[in-house]
Structure formats: structure tokens, C-alpha cells
Amino acid sequence: MFLPGLQGHEIHHVDHSDLEIGQIRVKKIDGGNVFEGARQNDYPNKPLQRSLAGNLFEDAARSLGYHPFPQPSANASAAYVTPEGTTIGECIYCGFCERFGCESNAKASPNVSIMPVLLPDPRFTLRTHAYVKQLNYDREAKKVTSVVYVDTLSGEEYEQPAGLVILGAYVFNNTALMLYSGIGTPYDPATGEGAAGRNYCYQYTGSGVTVFFEDKEMNPFMATGAFGTIIDDFNGDNFDHSGLGFIGGGHISAGLSNGRPIGTRATPPGTPQWGAQWKRDTAKWYGHHFNVNGTACNYAHRGNYLSLDPNYTDALGRPLIRMTYNFRENDYKIGAYLSEKSAEIARAMNPTIMSAPRFRTGDYDLRPYQSTHNTGGTIMGSDPTKSVVNRYLQSWDAENLFIMGASVFPQNQSYNPTGPLGALAYWSADAIINRYVPNPGPLAQA
């Protein structure tokens, strides 16, 4: 099947055997519970407790022959000590999780999982309010010589000499710093040439239905940031795509992440959008509903990329990083398909009321929150003309520069990139310590 514009030839150049040890270490640090393929040992904690929404979804999915499992989570179901020697607490299902700090230290934030080990180490210095402006690059030597940063409190500019530099500044700033510093060739969508800014991907969300149960109390305020049940039956190549007109797929899930009253006020179809009836229905159905959602992959497209804006600048006078992006035909077709499958599972729950299946249409709109799991811009690959880093996350153009984070992902599968991202960091760190430091130079050949 040919889908115009998709850039499918840039794939991850590592496999499960390369990353399994790092993946396990990440999950032991963040307390996750994942029930995927074969592994060398079990994860340290059991899954989080199931919600009623998750149980209803599980029973319905199984009745249709699907294969539900607990949603992976960086919330610890029990207290334990990580391989790094830090202590993570037990989740108390407070309902104030995503977008909040954790009063139980049960969430795998760096302040809990990593910083307690780093701060006492005399080799480590944390410089707050330091905003990196650019990397000074010796093109002839193919090395970064120093990092220029600005103290955001004083406005003073500093230059930090460096023998080795690791970029870990998220998708947009990783890409921007490469472009500001003149490292690599900027991607040109007209010709398809260049690497820096290439293969920007997002997530396609918004497919699914809302179910209402008059006789069941969901207690939405007792939840975590990742609290649900999932099926992968329609993810990737796990199903027959004959006649569907798209490639890829997505996962379908149900659960609750919070019950905060302003943001949690779904009402059944036909309810007025304001007034006395809206108020009554908001109160009536607050604890009696949840969503069944599909989250789809988003493959790289020739017209989706990151670049430097020709008109707008930031506080330092640099061009803003510009995102050129839209959903494509493949995304819409997956979304419609996942919406139908979500509705099928929802009907099997026998809800009192069910909304009509929904899926995203029209152009991409930045204004409503959808996802923060962006990928691409400094992608991994085996061809230096079309990728920014090699399989060890080492820059093709600066041998002492390594880039960490989801900006190295050539594509975006339906899941958040968190787990593989952490595993890649351990994979790269091992190569830096055991291969690059003893013998500096390129770790991979084109």
C-alpha cells in the first residue's frame, strides 16, 4: 500500500535485545508494571489496583476475544528501593497526580528517582536558571568545544568548555540547539534532503466514546495519572489490515486519571450546555461515567517538520523553533477505526447511556490540550544524510555530542515514548562510558 508523503524508511536501528536490560532498569526505577514480551526477570511491583472502569472494560474486552492488561504506569504500587538506591513511596490514589508534584513520592519524577543520588556526588553540579543559548562547534574537528548559557536571573552570559556534551532538552530545544549551532544540515521539505528537524511526529488522540452508568459509582477522584486497562489487539501489525486503507494502529484503553470537578463534568448526549438542567446532569453523572479511548500512532510525513522561524524571535534574539505539522489521511483512518472498536467494547459493557463514537477530523489545532509526547527532529538512523544521530545517539557531525530523548525517535507509535526513551539513555550511557571515553571517536560507521 502506498501512502503519499509518509517517510517510513527511517526506523529505529536498535532492537529489543539491545534495550531489554535498560528497559528493565528504567521500569525498576519508575515502578512501572508492563506485561509485554519475554524478559529476563520480573518487575519489582505488582500492577496498580484496578478501578471499576478498568474492570468493566476488561470484562467487556475479554467477552469479545480481546486481550486486556493493566496500563503501564510510573506510579509505584508499593514502596521499594530502586537499583540506584533511591526510595520510592506507595501511590495513595489521591487524584492529584498528572500536572502535580507527588506528596507520597510515589511518582518517578527525577527529584525522587535520580536527584538524591546525584546531588551528594562531588562530580555533579546542578546549575539552576541556566538557559543554554548555543553550542560552539568546530566543524573541521567535528567536535563541540563549549556550551554558551545565560543566567536567566542576571542576564549574564557564560561559556562552559566541554569535552563531551549531552543534549537532553526535549524535542523542540534539542532540535533548536542543533539548528542554532549549525550542527548538521537543516531538513528541506521541498527536496526531502537534510536531517535536523526531520520526522517530527505527534500522537493522534480523541477517538472513542463516553459511557454512563446510572447504577455504578466510579469514584473518579480516587485515581492516578496512569490508571486503566488497555488492549493492543489493534496496535501495530497485531491485526489484519486487509481493505482498511491505512498502516499502523493504536491501543484502546479505559480508566480514570482524576475527578477534579472543573475538568470532570461529562454529561450525556442531549444535555443543554448551560442552565439548570446542565447543572443537574453535571452533578448526577459526575461519578457515573468514564471514557473508552483510542490512541493512534503518528508516522513521519514529508510535510511535518521543525525549522527556525524567519519572522519571530525569542528573548535572546534567536529565531523561535517553528513546527510545521498537520494530521494526514493515515491518521484519520486509524482514528475512525479505533473509534468503531472502542464503541464495540463500550456496548458490551451495557451502559445506561453511551455517546456517539467520535474521532478527530479537520486540521491540527494547537489550542486544546491533546498530548505532550512529541518525537523526532534529531532522529536516529544509519544514513547521516537523513538522520542526526547513530544507533548510540552520537551525532554524525560532532563525535563528542550525544542527544537523549524522544527527539531521536524516527516514528511515533501509539504509546508514549517514556520507557524506550529511558532504555535508550542507558544504552547510550553504556556506550559512552565503556567505548567512547576510553577511545574517543565515531561509535558507528555509515
Protein backbone atom coordinates (compact mmCIF):
# COMPACT_ATOMS: atom_id res chain seq x y z
CA MET A 1 0.00 0.00 0.00
CA PHE A 2 1.37 3.42 -0.98
CA LEU A 3 0.51 6.37 1.25
CA PRO A 4 1.78 9.65 -0.25
CA GLY A 5 4.22 11.66 1.84
CA LEU A 6 4.88 9.10 4.58
CA GLN A 7 8.56 8.77 5.40
CA GLY A 8 8.75 5.18 6.51
CA HIS A 9 12.33 4.31 5.74
CA GLU A 10 13.76 5.88 8.90
CA ILE A 11 13.43 3.20 11.58
CA HIS A 12 14.97 2.53 14.96
CA HIS A 13 18.37 0.91 14.49
CA VAL A 14 18.33 -0.94 17.79
CA ASP A 15 16.18 -3.91 18.72
CA HIS A 16 14.63 -5.50 21.81
CA SER A 17 17.78 -7.43 22.72
CA ASP A 18 19.80 -4.19 22.70
CA LEU A 19 17.42 -2.36 25.02
CA GLU A 20 15.94 -5.05 27.27
CA ILE A 21 18.39 -4.57 30.15
CA GLY A 22 17.95 -0.80 30.04
CA GLN A 23 14.19 -1.15 29.75
CA ILE A 24 14.07 -3.34 32.85
CA ARG A 25 16.28 -0.90 34.75
CA VAL A 26 14.02 2.01 33.81
CA LYS A 27 10.93 0.12 34.95
CA LYS A 28 12.61 -0.79 38.22
CA ILE A 29 13.41 2.87 38.77
CA ASP A 30 9.99 4.23 37.86
CA GLY A 31 7.97 1.43 39.44
CA GLY A 32 6.16 0.55 36.23
CA ASN A 33 4.38 -2.71 35.59
CA VAL A 34 4.38 -3.76 31.95
CA PHE A 35 3.15 -7.10 30.66
CA GLU A 36 4.72 -7.25 27.24
CA GLY A 37 7.03 -9.84 25.64
CA ALA A 38 9.71 -12.05 27.12
CA ARG A 39 12.08 -10.53 29.67
CA GLN A 40 14.97 -11.73 31.80
CA ASN A 41 13.28 -11.08 35.15
CA ASP A 42 10.08 -9.78 36.68
CA TYR A 43 9.37 -6.19 37.56
CA PRO A 44 9.60 -5.26 41.23
CA ASN A 45 5.98 -4.29 41.90
CA LYS A 46 2.56 -5.61 41.12
CA PRO A 47 0.22 -3.53 38.94
CA LEU A 48 -1.72 -0.70 40.49
CA GLN A 49 -5.14 -1.55 41.86
CA ARG A 50 -7.85 -1.76 39.21
CA SER A 51 -10.59 0.82 39.03
CA LEU A 52 -14.21 -0.15 38.42
CA ALA A 53 -13.89 1.44 34.98
CA GLY A 54 -10.90 -0.77 34.24
CA ASN A 55 -12.72 -3.87 35.44
CA LEU A 56 -15.76 -3.14 33.28
CA PHE A 57 -13.50 -2.59 30.28
CA GLU A 58 -11.57 -5.78 30.96
CA ASP A 59 -14.69 -7.94 31.20
CA ALA A 60 -16.16 -6.45 28.03
CA ALA A 61 -12.91 -6.78 26.08
CA ARG A 62 -12.46 -10.41 27.13
CA SER A 63 -16.04 -11.19 26.14
CA LEU A 64 -15.16 -10.05 22.62
CA GLY A 65 -12.00 -12.14 22.48
CA TYR A 66 -9.53 -9.32 23.09
CA HIS A 67 -6.57 -9.32 25.49
CA PRO A 68 -6.72 -6.61 28.18
CA PHE A 69 -3.85 -5.90 30.56
CA PRO A 70 -3.01 -3.26 33.22
CA GLN A 71 -1.88 0.10 31.92
CA PRO A 72 1.87 0.73 32.38
CA SER A 73 2.47 3.41 34.96
CA ALA A 74 5.30 5.34 36.61
CA ASN A 75 3.24 5.37 39.82
CA ALA A 76 4.58 2.82 42.29
CA SER A 77 2.01 0.36 43.62
CA ALA A 78 4.23 -0.32 46.66
CA ALA A 79 7.22 1.31 48.31
CA TYR A 80 10.64 -0.03 47.39
CA VAL A 81 14.29 0.86 46.83
CA THR A 82 15.42 1.31 43.22
CA PRO A 83 18.66 -0.03 41.68
CA GLU A 84 20.06 3.50 42.06
CA GLY A 85 19.49 3.32 45.82
CA THR A 86 16.63 5.83 45.94
CA THR A 87 13.37 5.13 47.76
CA ILE A 88 10.01 5.47 46.03
CA GLY A 89 6.81 5.63 48.07
CA GLU A 90 3.47 3.94 47.55
CA CYS A 91 0.74 5.56 45.47
CA ILE A 92 -2.31 6.58 47.52
CA TYR A 93 -4.62 7.26 44.53
CA CYS A 94 -5.12 10.88 45.56
CA GLY A 95 -6.43 12.06 42.19
CA PHE A 96 -3.93 14.93 42.02
CA CYS A 97 -1.22 13.21 40.03
CA GLU A 98 -0.60 14.32 36.47
CA ARG A 99 0.36 18.04 36.43
CA PHE A 100 1.14 17.92 40.18
CA GLY A 101 4.00 17.01 42.46
CA CYS A 102 3.53 13.83 44.49
CA GLU A 103 3.21 14.15 48.26
CA SER A 104 3.84 10.41 48.63
CA ASN A 105 6.98 10.37 46.46
CA ALA A 106 5.30 7.59 44.50
CA LYS A 107 5.81 9.09 41.07
CA ALA A 108 9.02 8.54 39.08
CA SER A 109 10.00 12.18 38.91
CA PRO A 110 13.74 12.96 38.80
CA ASN A 111 13.57 14.64 42.22
CA VAL A 112 12.71 11.23 43.67
CA SER A 113 14.30 8.67 41.37
CA ILE A 114 17.65 10.25 40.40
CA MET A 115 18.44 13.54 42.16
CA PRO A 116 19.03 12.04 45.65
CA VAL A 117 21.95 10.10 44.14
CA LEU A 118 23.33 12.93 42.02
CA LEU A 119 23.28 15.83 44.47
CA PRO A 120 25.78 14.37 47.01
CA ASP A 121 28.18 13.34 44.22
CA PRO A 122 31.13 15.80 44.10
CA ARG A 123 31.39 15.26 40.33
CA PHE A 124 27.89 16.66 39.80
CA THR A 125 26.87 20.32 39.74
CA LEU A 126 23.29 21.49 39.24
CA ARG A 127 23.12 24.97 37.75
CA THR A 128 19.64 26.39 38.08
CA HIS A 129 18.30 29.26 35.96
CA ALA A 130 20.85 28.33 33.28
CA TYR A 131 19.33 28.62 29.80
CA VAL A 132 21.51 27.16 27.04
CA LYS A 133 21.87 29.56 24.13
CA GLN A 134 24.02 27.55 21.73
CA LEU A 135 26.80 25.01 21.33
CA ASN A 136 30.12 26.25 19.99
CA TYR A 137 31.02 23.90 17.17
CA ASP A 138 34.35 23.20 15.47
CA ARG A 139 33.21 21.98 12.06
CA GLU A 140 36.67 20.93 10.92
CA ALA A 141 37.38 18.88 14.05
CA LYS A 142 33.75 17.65 14.16
CA LYS A 143 33.50 18.46 17.86
CA VAL A 144 31.57 20.71 20.23
CA THR A 145 34.09 22.81 22.15
CA SER A 146 31.85 24.59 24.65
CA VAL A 147 28.30 25.42 25.70
CA VAL A 148 27.06 29.01 25.97
CA TYR A 149 24.30 29.65 28.50
CA VAL A 150 22.53 32.63 30.03
CA ASP A 151 21.75 33.13 33.72
CA THR A 152 18.04 33.98 33.50
CA LEU A 153 18.15 35.92 36.79
CA SER A 154 21.07 38.23 35.97
CA GLY A 155 21.05 38.05 32.17
CA GLU A 156 24.78 37.32 32.24
CA GLU A 157 26.19 35.02 29.57
CA TYR A 158 28.68 32.23 30.35
CA GLU A 159 30.76 29.86 28.26
CA GLN A 160 31.36 26.38 29.67
CA PRO A 161 34.22 24.46 27.97
CA ALA A 162 33.28 20.84 27.39
CA GLY A 163 34.99 17.65 26.32
CA LEU A 164 31.68 15.82 25.96
CA VAL A 165 28.16 17.24 25.66
CA ILE A 166 24.80 15.53 26.10
CA LEU A 167 21.67 17.28 24.87
CA GLY A 168 18.60 16.35 26.89
CA ALA A 169 16.41 19.39 26.32
CA TYR A 170 13.23 17.79 24.92
CA VAL A 171 12.20 17.54 21.28
CA PHE A 172 11.93 21.22 20.43
CA ASN A 173 15.02 22.55 22.19
CA ASN A 174 17.22 19.63 21.13
CA THR A 175 16.34 20.42 17.53
CA ALA A 176 16.60 24.18 18.02
CA LEU A 177 20.06 23.94 19.57
CA MET A 178 21.33 21.86 16.66
CA LEU A 179 19.98 24.45 14.22
CA TYR A 180 21.25 27.44 16.23
CA SER A 181 24.69 25.85 16.44
CA GLY A 182 24.98 24.92 12.77
CA ILE A 183 25.44 21.24 13.50
CA GLY A 184 24.09 19.10 10.68
CA THR A 185 22.04 20.06 7.65
CA PRO A 186 18.55 21.53 8.21
CA TYR A 187 15.75 19.47 6.72
CA ASP A 188 14.26 20.81 3.48
CA PRO A 189 10.72 19.51 2.81
CA ALA A 190 10.89 20.62 -0.82
CA THR A 191 13.77 18.31 -1.65
CA GLY A 192 13.49 15.80 1.20
CA GLU A 193 17.16 16.39 1.97
CA GLY A 194 18.73 17.27 5.33
CA ALA A 195 18.26 15.80 8.78
CA ALA A 196 17.93 18.42 11.54
CA GLY A 197 14.19 18.99 12.06
CA ARG A 198 13.15 15.92 10.09
CA ASN A 199 10.40 13.41 11.00
CA TYR A 200 8.52 15.45 13.60
CA CYS A 201 5.67 13.29 14.92
CA TYR A 202 2.90 13.64 17.48
CA GLN A 203 0.08 11.42 18.74
CA TYR A 204 -3.39 11.06 17.27
CA THR A 205 -5.85 11.15 20.17
CA GLY A 206 -9.56 11.83 20.53
CA SER A 207 -11.05 8.57 19.25
CA GLY A 208 -13.61 6.83 21.43
CA VAL A 209 -16.83 7.09 23.37
CA THR A 210 -18.10 8.12 26.80
CA VAL A 211 -20.20 5.64 28.79
CA PHE A 212 -22.65 6.46 31.60
CA PHE A 213 -23.83 4.00 34.27
CA GLU A 214 -26.73 5.16 36.43
CA ASP A 215 -26.25 2.32 38.94
CA LYS A 216 -22.43 2.29 39.23
CA GLU A 217 -20.24 4.73 41.20
CA MET A 218 -16.81 5.20 39.63
CA ASN A 219 -15.25 7.37 42.37
CA PRO A 220 -13.21 9.31 39.80
CA PHE A 221 -11.42 11.32 42.49
CA MET A 222 -9.57 8.16 43.60
CA ALA A 223 -7.09 7.77 40.75
CA THR A 224 -3.54 8.13 39.48
CA GLY A 225 -2.06 9.79 36.42
CA ALA A 226 -1.90 6.46 34.58
CA PHE A 227 -4.73 4.29 35.82
CA GLY A 228 -6.51 2.00 33.45
CA THR A 229 -6.73 -1.14 31.36
CA ILE A 230 -5.53 -1.49 27.76
CA ILE A 231 -5.79 -3.73 24.73
CA ASP A 232 -3.16 -3.98 22.00
CA ASP A 233 -5.25 -6.07 19.63
CA PHE A 234 -5.41 -3.18 17.14
CA ASN A 235 -1.90 -1.84 17.62
CA GLY A 236 0.91 -2.00 15.07
CA ASP A 237 0.71 -5.17 12.99
CA ASN A 238 -1.26 -7.15 15.58
CA PHE A 239 -4.32 -7.35 13.30
CA ASP A 240 -5.29 -7.89 9.68
CA HIS A 241 -5.14 -4.62 7.74
CA SER A 242 -6.71 -6.00 4.57
CA GLY A 243 -9.00 -3.42 2.98
CA LEU A 244 -8.57 -0.88 5.78
CA GLY A 245 -6.55 1.63 3.77
CA PHE A 246 -4.05 2.50 6.49
CA ILE A 247 -0.89 1.21 8.13
CA GLY A 248 -0.19 1.09 11.86
CA GLY A 249 -2.82 1.22 14.56
CA GLY A 250 -3.23 2.11 18.20
CA HIS A 251 -4.16 0.97 21.66
CA ILE A 252 -7.59 1.27 23.27
CA SER A 253 -7.94 1.92 26.98
CA ALA A 254 -10.38 2.80 29.73
CA GLY A 255 -9.73 4.19 33.17
CA LEU A 256 -9.66 7.32 35.28
CA SER A 257 -6.80 9.70 35.98
CA ASN A 258 -8.64 12.20 38.18
CA GLY A 259 -12.02 13.54 39.22
CA ARG A 260 -11.18 17.20 39.59
CA PRO A 261 -14.61 18.85 39.39
CA ILE A 262 -13.94 21.65 36.89
CA GLY A 263 -12.31 19.38 34.34
CA THR A 264 -14.51 16.33 35.03
CA ARG A 265 -18.07 17.18 34.09
CA ALA A 266 -19.21 14.96 31.24
CA THR A 267 -22.94 14.85 30.58
CA PRO A 268 -25.00 12.54 28.32
CA PRO A 269 -25.85 13.44 24.72
CA GLY A 270 -28.72 15.93 24.52
CA THR A 271 -27.89 17.73 27.77
CA PRO A 272 -28.06 21.54 27.42
CA GLN A 273 -24.66 23.22 27.51
CA TRP A 274 -25.71 25.61 30.26
CA GLY A 275 -28.52 26.29 32.72
CA ALA A 276 -30.39 24.36 35.40
CA GLN A 277 -30.60 21.05 33.54
CA TRP A 278 -26.89 21.15 32.77
CA LYS A 279 -26.15 21.70 36.46
CA ARG A 280 -28.39 18.79 37.49
CA ASP A 281 -26.86 16.44 34.93
CA THR A 282 -23.32 17.51 35.83
CA ALA A 283 -23.97 16.57 39.46
CA LYS A 284 -25.87 13.38 38.60
CA TRP A 285 -23.31 11.89 36.24
CA TYR A 286 -20.07 13.16 37.83
CA GLY A 287 -19.27 9.82 39.44
CA HIS A 288 -21.03 7.64 36.90
CA HIS A 289 -19.07 7.96 33.66
CA PHE A 290 -15.73 7.28 32.02
CA ASN A 291 -14.18 7.26 28.56
CA VAL A 292 -13.10 4.44 26.29
CA ASN A 293 -10.33 5.96 24.20
CA GLY A 294 -8.10 5.05 21.29
CA THR A 295 -4.61 6.49 20.88
CA ALA A 296 -3.06 6.00 17.46
CA CYS A 297 0.43 6.01 16.05
CA ASN A 298 1.58 9.00 14.03
CA TYR A 299 4.05 8.25 11.27
CA ALA A 300 6.55 10.70 9.84
CA HIS A 301 5.37 12.69 6.84
CA ARG A 302 7.44 14.73 4.42
CA GLY A 303 5.45 17.86 5.23
CA ASN A 304 5.74 17.59 9.04
CA TYR A 305 8.98 19.03 10.39
CA LEU A 306 10.71 21.54 12.70
CA SER A 307 12.61 24.60 11.48
CA LEU A 308 13.69 28.08 12.57
CA ASP A 309 11.03 30.75 12.18
CA PRO A 310 12.00 33.53 9.72
CA ASN A 311 9.92 36.19 11.50
CA TYR A 312 9.66 35.59 15.25
CA THR A 313 12.46 35.59 17.83
CA ASP A 314 12.82 34.65 21.49
CA ALA A 315 14.08 36.75 24.42
CA LEU A 316 17.69 36.09 23.37
CA GLY A 317 17.06 37.28 19.82
CA ARG A 318 17.21 33.80 18.31
CA PRO A 319 14.59 32.58 15.82
CA LEU A 320 11.81 30.64 17.50
CA ILE A 321 11.60 26.96 16.72
CA ARG A 322 8.73 26.52 14.25
CA MET A 323 6.52 23.46 13.97
CA THR A 324 5.01 22.74 10.55
CA TYR A 325 2.52 19.96 11.15
CA ASN A 326 -0.86 18.51 10.25
CA PHE A 327 -2.63 15.20 10.60
CA ARG A 328 -2.70 13.10 7.45
CA GLU A 329 -5.07 10.65 5.78
CA ASN A 330 -3.47 7.68 7.53
CA ASP A 331 -4.11 9.29 10.93
CA TYR A 332 -7.77 9.98 10.23
CA LYS A 333 -8.41 6.44 9.01
CA ILE A 334 -6.80 4.89 12.09
CA GLY A 335 -8.80 7.25 14.30
CA ALA A 336 -12.10 6.27 12.71
CA TYR A 337 -11.24 2.58 13.03
CA LEU A 338 -10.25 2.84 16.71
CA SER A 339 -13.43 4.79 17.39
CA GLU A 340 -15.54 1.95 15.98
CA LYS A 341 -13.67 -0.63 18.05
CA SER A 342 -13.97 1.50 21.19
CA ALA A 343 -17.72 1.68 20.66
CA GLU A 344 -17.89 -2.09 20.19
CA ILE A 345 -16.25 -2.65 23.58
CA ALA A 346 -18.38 0.04 25.21
CA ARG A 347 -21.62 -1.58 24.02
CA ALA A 348 -20.50 -4.86 25.56
CA MET A 349 -20.47 -3.12 28.96
CA ASN A 350 -24.24 -2.44 28.69
CA PRO A 351 -24.05 1.19 29.84
CA THR A 352 -27.17 3.19 30.67
CA ILE A 353 -26.18 5.76 28.03
CA MET A 354 -23.35 5.85 25.52
CA SER A 355 -22.20 8.80 23.45
CA ALA A 356 -21.83 8.55 19.71
CA PRO A 357 -18.39 7.36 18.57
CA ARG A 358 -16.05 10.30 18.00
CA PHE A 359 -12.74 10.79 16.25
CA ARG A 360 -10.67 13.78 15.30
CA THR A 361 -11.24 15.46 11.92
CA GLY A 362 -10.02 18.67 10.35
CA ASP A 363 -6.68 20.40 10.61
CA TYR A 364 -4.42 20.10 13.62
CA ASP A 365 -5.24 22.74 16.25
CA LEU A 366 -2.65 23.68 18.85
CA ARG A 367 -5.12 25.25 21.30
CA PRO A 368 -6.85 22.31 23.04
CA TYR A 369 -4.57 20.01 25.03
CA GLN A 370 -4.09 16.68 23.27
CA SER A 371 -0.72 15.19 24.16
CA THR A 372 2.80 16.14 25.19
CA HIS A 373 4.52 13.10 23.72
CA ASN A 374 6.23 14.62 20.71
CA THR A 375 9.02 12.86 18.84
CA GLY A 376 11.54 13.47 16.08
CA GLY A 377 13.69 16.36 14.93
CA THR A 378 17.07 14.80 15.77
CA ILE A 379 16.32 11.26 14.67
CA MET A 380 18.37 8.09 14.89
CA GLY A 381 19.40 6.26 11.74
CA SER A 382 22.13 4.61 9.70
CA ASP A 383 22.26 7.27 6.96
CA PRO A 384 23.95 10.55 8.05
CA THR A 385 22.18 12.43 5.26
CA LYS A 386 18.77 11.59 6.71
CA SER A 387 19.44 11.18 10.44
CA VAL A 388 21.12 13.26 13.15
CA VAL A 389 22.48 10.54 15.46
CA ASN A 390 23.69 6.97 15.06
CA ARG A 391 22.37 3.96 16.98
CA TYR A 392 24.32 5.03 20.08
CA LEU A 393 22.70 8.51 19.96
CA GLN A 394 26.02 10.04 18.92
CA SER A 395 25.87 12.96 16.48
CA TRP A 396 27.06 12.15 12.98
CA ASP A 397 28.52 15.67 12.73
CA ALA A 398 30.08 16.11 16.19
CA GLU A 399 31.61 12.99 17.68
CA ASN A 400 31.58 14.28 21.29
CA LEU A 401 27.88 15.23 21.16
CA PHE A 402 25.16 12.79 22.23
CA ILE A 403 21.42 13.50 22.14
CA MET A 404 18.93 11.93 24.55
CA GLY A 405 15.16 11.98 24.50
CA ALA A 406 12.26 11.32 22.17
CA SER A 407 13.70 13.69 19.57
CA VAL A 408 15.76 10.69 18.37
CA PHE A 409 12.63 8.62 17.58
CA PRO A 410 12.15 8.36 13.79
CA GLN A 411 8.45 7.48 14.21
CA ASN A 412 5.85 7.75 16.97
CA GLN A 413 3.98 4.61 17.91
CA SER A 414 0.72 4.85 19.81
CA TYR A 415 2.35 4.55 23.22
CA ASN A 416 4.15 7.36 24.98
CA PRO A 417 7.91 7.08 24.31
CA THR A 418 8.88 7.12 28.00
CA GLY A 419 10.00 3.51 28.50
CA PRO A 420 12.12 3.11 25.35
CA LEU A 421 13.44 6.64 25.90
CA GLY A 422 14.86 5.63 29.28
CA ALA A 423 16.23 2.38 27.90
CA LEU A 424 17.95 4.26 25.08
CA ALA A 425 19.55 6.57 27.65
CA TYR A 426 21.08 3.58 29.46
CA TRP A 427 22.11 2.04 26.14
CA SER A 428 23.87 5.25 25.11
CA ALA A 429 25.41 5.83 28.54
CA ASP A 430 26.93 2.35 28.45
CA ALA A 431 28.47 3.10 25.05
CA ILE A 432 29.80 6.46 26.26
CA ILE A 433 31.43 5.02 29.38
CA ASN A 434 32.77 1.77 28.00
CA ARG A 435 33.54 2.68 24.40
CA TYR A 436 33.74 6.42 23.76
CA VAL A 437 35.61 7.62 26.86
CA PRO A 438 38.44 5.04 26.56
CA ASN A 439 38.73 5.62 22.80
CA PRO A 440 37.04 8.83 21.57
CA GLY A 441 35.73 8.76 18.03
CA PRO A 442 32.72 7.67 15.98
CA LEU A 443 30.96 4.66 17.51
CA ALA A 444 29.22 3.67 14.27
CA GLN A 445 30.01 3.92 10.60
CA ALA A 446 27.53 4.95 7.93
